[in-house]
Amino acid sequence: MSRIDESREFIPVRIAVLTVSDTRSLEEDRSGQVLVDRIEAAGHLLADRKILPDERAEIAAQLRAWVADPEIDVVISTGGTGLTGRDVTVEAHRDVYEKEIDAFGTVFTIVSMNKIGTSAVQSRATGGVAGGTYLFALPGSPGACKDAWDEILSLQLDFRHRPCNFVEISPRLDEHKRRK
C-alpha cells in the first residue's frame, strides 16, 4: 500500500496551472484557484498561471512553451476535457506528449466513480510527458480538481511517497536524448 516515508526529505516541484475556458477570468477561476491553493499548501511552487480559450493550437503552444521552460517541472490544466465540440484540451495535450501516462486517466476515473458514479465516463482526464515535463489535463470543475490533486497528484508529486512517485523518476524522463 502507498505511504509517505517521513525519513525522506520533501522536494518541491515547480508547477504551472492553465485554465481552459472561453468565459472565465482569473477572478472567476474557481478550479484553477483550487489547484493553486493545494499546490502552495503542499509546499510546491506555482511557476506560472494562465487562462486560455478553448483553442487547440493556443493550448498546445502554451504547453510547448512551458515544456521548453527549465523552470517548470509540471503543468496541470483544468477545463476542456469533456465531450462537447469546444472541448479540445485533451487533443492539445496529445499534440504535445512524447509519452502518455495511460493509467492516469484510468485512476482518475476510478476516483471519480466513487464521487459521481457513472457520470465519470464523461471525463477524458489525461496525463503525459514531454521534454522532461509532466502534463496533466483535468476536468473544469473544482470538485474534479480537488479529487485529482488530493487522491493522485499530491501523492505522485511527493518525493516521499512510496513505493514510487513521479518526482524520483523525473531526472530520467529525457534520458533517451542523452544516449549515444
Protein backbone atom coordinates (compact mmCIF):
# COMPACT_ATOMS: atom_id res chain seq x y z
CA MET A 1 0.00 0.00 0.00
CA SER A 2 1.16 3.54 -0.66
CA ARG A 3 2.51 5.68 2.16
CA ILE A 4 4.60 8.77 2.89
CA ASP A 5 8.12 7.93 4.05
CA GLU A 6 8.86 10.67 6.60
CA SER A 7 12.56 9.75 6.59
CA ARG A 8 12.87 11.23 3.08
CA GLU A 9 13.14 14.96 2.50
CA PHE A 10 10.28 16.71 0.67
CA ILE A 11 11.34 18.10 -2.72
CA PRO A 12 9.15 20.94 -4.03
CA VAL A 13 8.33 20.91 -7.73
CA ARG A 14 7.55 23.90 -9.93
CA ILE A 15 4.02 23.70 -11.30
CA ALA A 16 2.23 25.80 -13.94
CA VAL A 17 -1.58 25.93 -13.96
CA LEU A 18 -3.59 26.50 -17.14
CA THR A 19 -7.32 27.07 -17.09
CA VAL A 20 -9.04 26.46 -20.41
CA SER A 21 -12.25 28.44 -20.70
CA ASP A 22 -13.98 30.73 -23.16
CA THR A 23 -15.73 32.61 -20.34
CA ARG A 24 -13.72 32.65 -17.10
CA SER A 25 -11.48 35.42 -15.84
CA LEU A 26 -8.82 34.96 -13.16
CA GLU A 27 -11.27 36.26 -10.53
CA GLU A 28 -13.89 33.66 -11.55
CA ASP A 29 -11.47 30.75 -11.96
CA ARG A 30 -12.50 28.53 -9.05
CA SER A 31 -10.94 25.35 -10.48
CA GLY A 32 -7.58 26.98 -11.16
CA GLN A 33 -7.66 28.52 -7.70
CA VAL A 34 -8.34 25.12 -6.11
CA LEU A 35 -5.18 23.83 -7.78
CA VAL A 36 -3.11 26.89 -6.83
CA ASP A 37 -4.22 26.65 -3.20
CA ARG A 38 -3.39 22.94 -2.99
CA ILE A 39 -0.06 23.32 -4.80
CA GLU A 40 1.07 26.02 -2.39
CA ALA A 41 -0.32 24.28 0.71
CA ALA A 42 1.65 21.15 -0.21
CA GLY A 43 4.89 23.17 -0.35
CA HIS A 44 5.29 23.19 -4.13
CA LEU A 45 5.97 26.34 -6.16
CA LEU A 46 3.48 27.98 -8.51
CA ALA A 47 5.67 28.63 -11.57
CA ASP A 48 3.03 30.29 -13.74
CA ARG A 49 -0.71 30.57 -14.24
CA LYS A 50 -2.73 31.42 -17.33
CA ILE A 51 -6.25 31.29 -18.75
CA LEU A 52 -6.72 30.48 -22.43
CA PRO A 53 -9.79 29.96 -24.63
CA ASP A 54 -10.78 26.52 -25.91
CA GLU A 55 -8.50 26.74 -28.95
CA ARG A 56 -6.38 23.67 -29.64
CA ALA A 57 -3.44 25.47 -31.26
CA GLU A 58 -3.22 28.08 -28.49
CA ILE A 59 -3.37 25.44 -25.76
CA ALA A 60 -0.71 23.29 -27.44
CA ALA A 61 1.53 26.33 -27.97
CA GLN A 62 1.31 27.25 -24.28
CA LEU A 63 2.02 23.67 -23.23
CA ARG A 64 5.07 23.59 -25.53
CA ALA A 65 6.32 26.90 -24.12
CA TRP A 66 6.08 25.57 -20.57
CA VAL A 67 7.73 22.26 -21.57
CA ALA A 68 10.63 24.29 -23.01
CA ASP A 69 10.95 26.33 -19.80
CA PRO A 70 13.55 24.75 -17.47
CA GLU A 71 11.83 26.45 -14.52
CA ILE A 72 8.68 24.31 -14.92
CA ASP A 73 8.52 20.66 -13.89
CA VAL A 74 4.78 20.01 -14.12
CA VAL A 75 1.83 21.51 -15.99
CA ILE A 76 -1.73 20.98 -14.80
CA SER A 77 -4.60 22.19 -16.96
CA THR A 78 -8.24 22.34 -15.97
CA GLY A 79 -11.16 22.53 -18.38
CA GLY A 80 -11.89 21.34 -21.88
CA THR A 81 -11.75 17.60 -21.18
CA GLY A 82 -15.40 16.83 -21.84
CA LEU A 83 -17.25 15.69 -24.93
CA THR A 84 -18.62 18.88 -26.43
CA GLY A 85 -17.37 20.38 -29.66
CA ARG A 86 -15.36 23.10 -27.91
CA ASP A 87 -13.58 20.61 -25.58
CA VAL A 88 -10.15 20.31 -27.22
CA THR A 89 -7.75 20.30 -24.27
CA VAL A 90 -7.12 16.54 -24.47
CA GLU A 91 -6.29 16.79 -28.17
CA ALA A 92 -3.93 19.73 -27.48
CA HIS A 93 -2.18 17.75 -24.75
CA ARG A 94 -1.79 14.74 -27.02
CA ASP A 95 -0.31 17.01 -29.70
CA VAL A 96 2.50 17.72 -27.22
CA TYR A 97 3.03 14.40 -25.40
CA GLU A 98 6.04 12.24 -26.13
CA LYS A 99 4.52 9.55 -23.91
CA GLU A 100 1.05 9.28 -22.48
CA ILE A 101 0.57 8.16 -18.89
CA ASP A 102 -2.35 5.87 -19.72
CA ALA A 103 -3.06 4.84 -16.13
CA PHE A 104 -3.61 8.46 -15.03
CA GLY A 105 -6.96 8.63 -16.83
CA THR A 106 -7.91 5.21 -15.52
CA VAL A 107 -7.07 6.05 -11.91
CA PHE A 108 -8.87 9.39 -12.24
CA THR A 109 -11.96 7.55 -13.50
CA ILE A 110 -11.85 5.20 -10.50
CA VAL A 111 -11.56 8.16 -8.11
CA SER A 112 -14.40 9.94 -9.93
CA MET A 113 -16.66 6.87 -9.90
CA ASN A 114 -16.51 6.93 -6.10
CA LYS A 115 -17.69 10.57 -6.12
CA ILE A 116 -20.04 10.99 -9.10
CA GLY A 117 -20.88 7.46 -10.21
CA THR A 118 -21.27 6.71 -13.88
CA SER A 119 -21.02 10.40 -14.81
CA ALA A 120 -17.27 9.76 -14.61
CA VAL A 121 -17.42 8.32 -18.15
CA GLN A 122 -17.85 11.85 -19.50
CA SER A 123 -14.35 12.90 -18.43
CA ARG A 124 -11.31 12.47 -20.62
CA ALA A 125 -8.69 13.36 -18.00
CA THR A 126 -5.23 12.55 -19.29
CA GLY A 127 -1.57 12.73 -18.37
CA GLY A 128 1.67 12.57 -20.28
CA VAL A 129 5.30 13.54 -20.51
CA ALA A 130 7.14 15.83 -22.93
CA GLY A 131 10.63 17.26 -22.74
CA GLY A 132 11.10 16.02 -19.20
CA THR A 133 7.92 17.79 -18.03
CA TYR A 134 4.78 16.13 -16.69
CA LEU A 135 1.47 17.34 -18.15
CA PHE A 136 -1.98 16.61 -16.73
CA ALA A 137 -5.38 17.63 -18.10
CA LEU A 138 -8.20 17.71 -15.54
CA PRO A 139 -11.90 18.49 -15.91
CA GLY A 140 -13.01 22.05 -15.28
CA SER A 141 -14.94 21.51 -12.07
CA PRO A 142 -13.48 22.43 -8.68
CA GLY A 143 -14.53 19.01 -7.35
CA ALA A 144 -12.65 17.18 -10.08
CA CYS A 145 -9.55 19.29 -9.41
CA LYS A 146 -9.78 18.54 -5.68
CA ASP A 147 -10.19 14.82 -6.36
CA ALA A 148 -7.28 14.65 -8.83
CA TRP A 149 -4.97 16.61 -6.57
CA ASP A 150 -5.96 15.07 -3.24
CA GLU A 151 -6.08 11.46 -4.36
CA ILE A 152 -3.49 11.23 -7.15
CA LEU A 153 -1.23 14.20 -7.82
CA SER A 154 -0.44 15.19 -4.23
CA LEU A 155 0.97 11.71 -3.73
CA GLN A 156 2.71 11.21 -7.05
CA LEU A 157 4.31 14.67 -6.86
CA ASP A 158 5.67 13.98 -3.36
CA PHE A 159 9.20 12.53 -3.37
CA ARG A 160 8.45 10.84 -0.05
CA HIS A 161 5.60 8.76 -1.49
CA ARG A 162 6.25 5.03 -1.51
CA PRO A 163 6.60 2.66 -3.24
CA CYS A 164 7.30 5.09 -6.12
CA ASN A 165 6.44 8.56 -7.40
CA PHE A 166 6.82 10.88 -10.38
CA VAL A 167 9.44 13.08 -8.68
CA GLU A 168 12.04 10.35 -8.24
CA ILE A 169 11.94 9.37 -11.92
CA SER A 170 11.80 12.95 -13.17
CA PRO A 171 15.56 13.21 -13.83
CA ARG A 172 15.29 10.20 -16.16
CA LEU A 173 12.37 11.40 -18.31
CA ASP A 174 14.58 12.68 -21.09
CA GLU A 175 17.47 10.21 -20.76
CA HIS A 176 16.79 8.93 -24.29
CA LYS A 177 18.05 12.28 -25.58
CA ARG A 178 21.39 11.79 -23.83
CA ARG A 179 22.12 8.34 -25.26
CA LYS A 180 24.74 7.95 -27.95
